[in-house]
Protein backbone atom coordinates (compact mmCIF):
# COMPACT_ATOMS: atom_id res chain seq x y z
CA MET A 1 50.03 50.91 -5.81
CA GLU A 2 47.37 48.63 -4.40
CA ILE A 3 48.00 46.86 -1.10
CA VAL A 4 45.74 43.95 -0.24
CA ARG A 5 45.88 42.76 3.36
CA VAL A 6 45.33 39.04 3.81
CA GLU A 7 44.78 37.01 6.97
CA ASN A 8 47.92 35.37 8.30
CA GLN A 9 46.89 31.71 8.52
CA ASP A 10 49.94 30.70 10.59
CA SER A 11 49.70 33.36 13.31
CA PHE A 12 49.21 32.56 17.00
CA LYS A 13 45.59 33.52 17.71
CA PHE A 14 43.91 33.99 21.07
CA GLU A 15 41.00 35.87 22.64
CA LYS A 16 42.24 36.61 26.16
CA VAL A 17 45.66 37.08 27.73
CA GLU A 18 46.43 36.85 31.44
CA LEU A 19 49.73 38.60 32.14
CA ARG A 20 51.55 38.64 35.44
CA LYS A 21 54.54 40.73 36.49
CA PRO A 22 57.81 38.99 35.60
CA THR A 23 60.11 37.71 38.31
CA VAL A 24 63.89 37.46 38.29
CA ARG A 25 63.45 33.75 37.57
CA ASP A 26 61.33 34.62 34.51
CA SER A 27 64.09 36.92 33.27
CA ILE A 28 66.78 34.27 33.77
CA TYR A 29 64.62 31.69 31.99
CA ALA A 30 63.92 34.08 29.11
CA GLN A 31 67.63 34.83 28.67
CA ARG A 32 68.41 31.11 28.63
CA VAL A 33 65.74 30.05 26.12
CA SER A 34 66.40 33.05 23.86
CA GLY A 35 70.08 32.17 23.66
CA GLY A 36 71.10 35.39 25.40
CA ASP A 37 69.42 37.51 22.74
CA GLN A 38 68.63 40.99 24.06
CA GLY A 39 66.09 41.88 21.38
CA LEU A 40 62.65 40.68 20.35
CA LYS A 41 63.49 37.04 20.99
CA LEU A 42 64.10 37.82 24.67
CA VAL A 43 60.77 39.65 24.85
CA ALA A 44 59.02 36.68 23.22
CA ALA A 45 60.54 34.33 25.79
CA LEU A 46 59.51 36.60 28.66
CA ILE A 47 55.95 36.89 27.33
CA ALA A 48 55.78 33.10 27.08
CA SER A 49 56.97 32.81 30.66
CA CYS A 50 54.52 35.36 32.12
CA ALA A 51 51.35 34.97 30.07
CA LYS A 52 48.50 32.54 29.61
CA PHE A 53 46.57 32.65 26.37
CA ASP A 54 42.93 31.66 26.69
CA GLY A 55 43.94 30.07 30.01
CA LYS A 56 46.82 28.04 28.56
CA PRO A 57 50.58 28.59 28.67
CA ALA A 58 52.56 29.09 25.47
CA VAL A 59 56.17 28.54 24.43
CA MET A 60 58.44 31.14 22.88
CA GLU A 61 57.99 29.66 19.38
CA GLN A 62 54.22 30.20 19.61
CA VAL A 63 54.67 33.79 20.81
CA GLU A 64 57.00 34.42 17.85
CA LYS A 65 54.03 33.65 15.56
CA MET A 66 51.89 36.32 17.23
CA GLU A 67 50.81 39.26 15.10
CA LEU A 68 53.20 42.16 15.67
CA PRO A 69 50.75 44.72 17.14
CA ASP A 70 49.65 42.20 19.81
CA PHE A 71 53.27 41.29 20.54
CA LEU A 72 54.29 44.92 20.92
CA GLU A 73 51.34 45.64 23.21
CA LEU A 74 52.28 42.74 25.50
CA GLY A 75 55.94 43.75 25.42
CA LYS A 76 54.98 47.27 26.44
CA ALA A 77 52.82 45.89 29.27
CA LEU A 78 55.91 44.05 30.56
CA GLY A 79 57.92 47.28 30.58
CA PHE A 80 59.62 47.12 27.18
CA GLY A 81 58.51 50.58 26.06
CA ASP A 82 61.28 51.06 23.51
CA LEU A 83 60.27 48.27 21.12
CA PRO A 84 60.04 49.35 17.47
CA GLN A 85 56.48 50.38 16.60
CA PRO A 86 55.05 49.52 13.19
CA LYS A 87 53.98 52.36 10.96
CA ALA A 88 50.35 52.26 9.81
């Protein structure tokens, strides 16, 4: 079987991420905007709350368009070490 990898044209692209430690307020905000979800949607909301991408803030919907390896790396940096890891 041949697998051809193509560029995801709709993904959220950036060069630099500034990430700060989350506060309780960030966690409350993330729970609210994620609809109480305790999975990846919560992590996306928390990343959006605590990160700047190329110096600019992002919203959860932008973070959801991030390529999975980048998302998982940022989630791990925020302390979510048990996120599912993609297989190569």
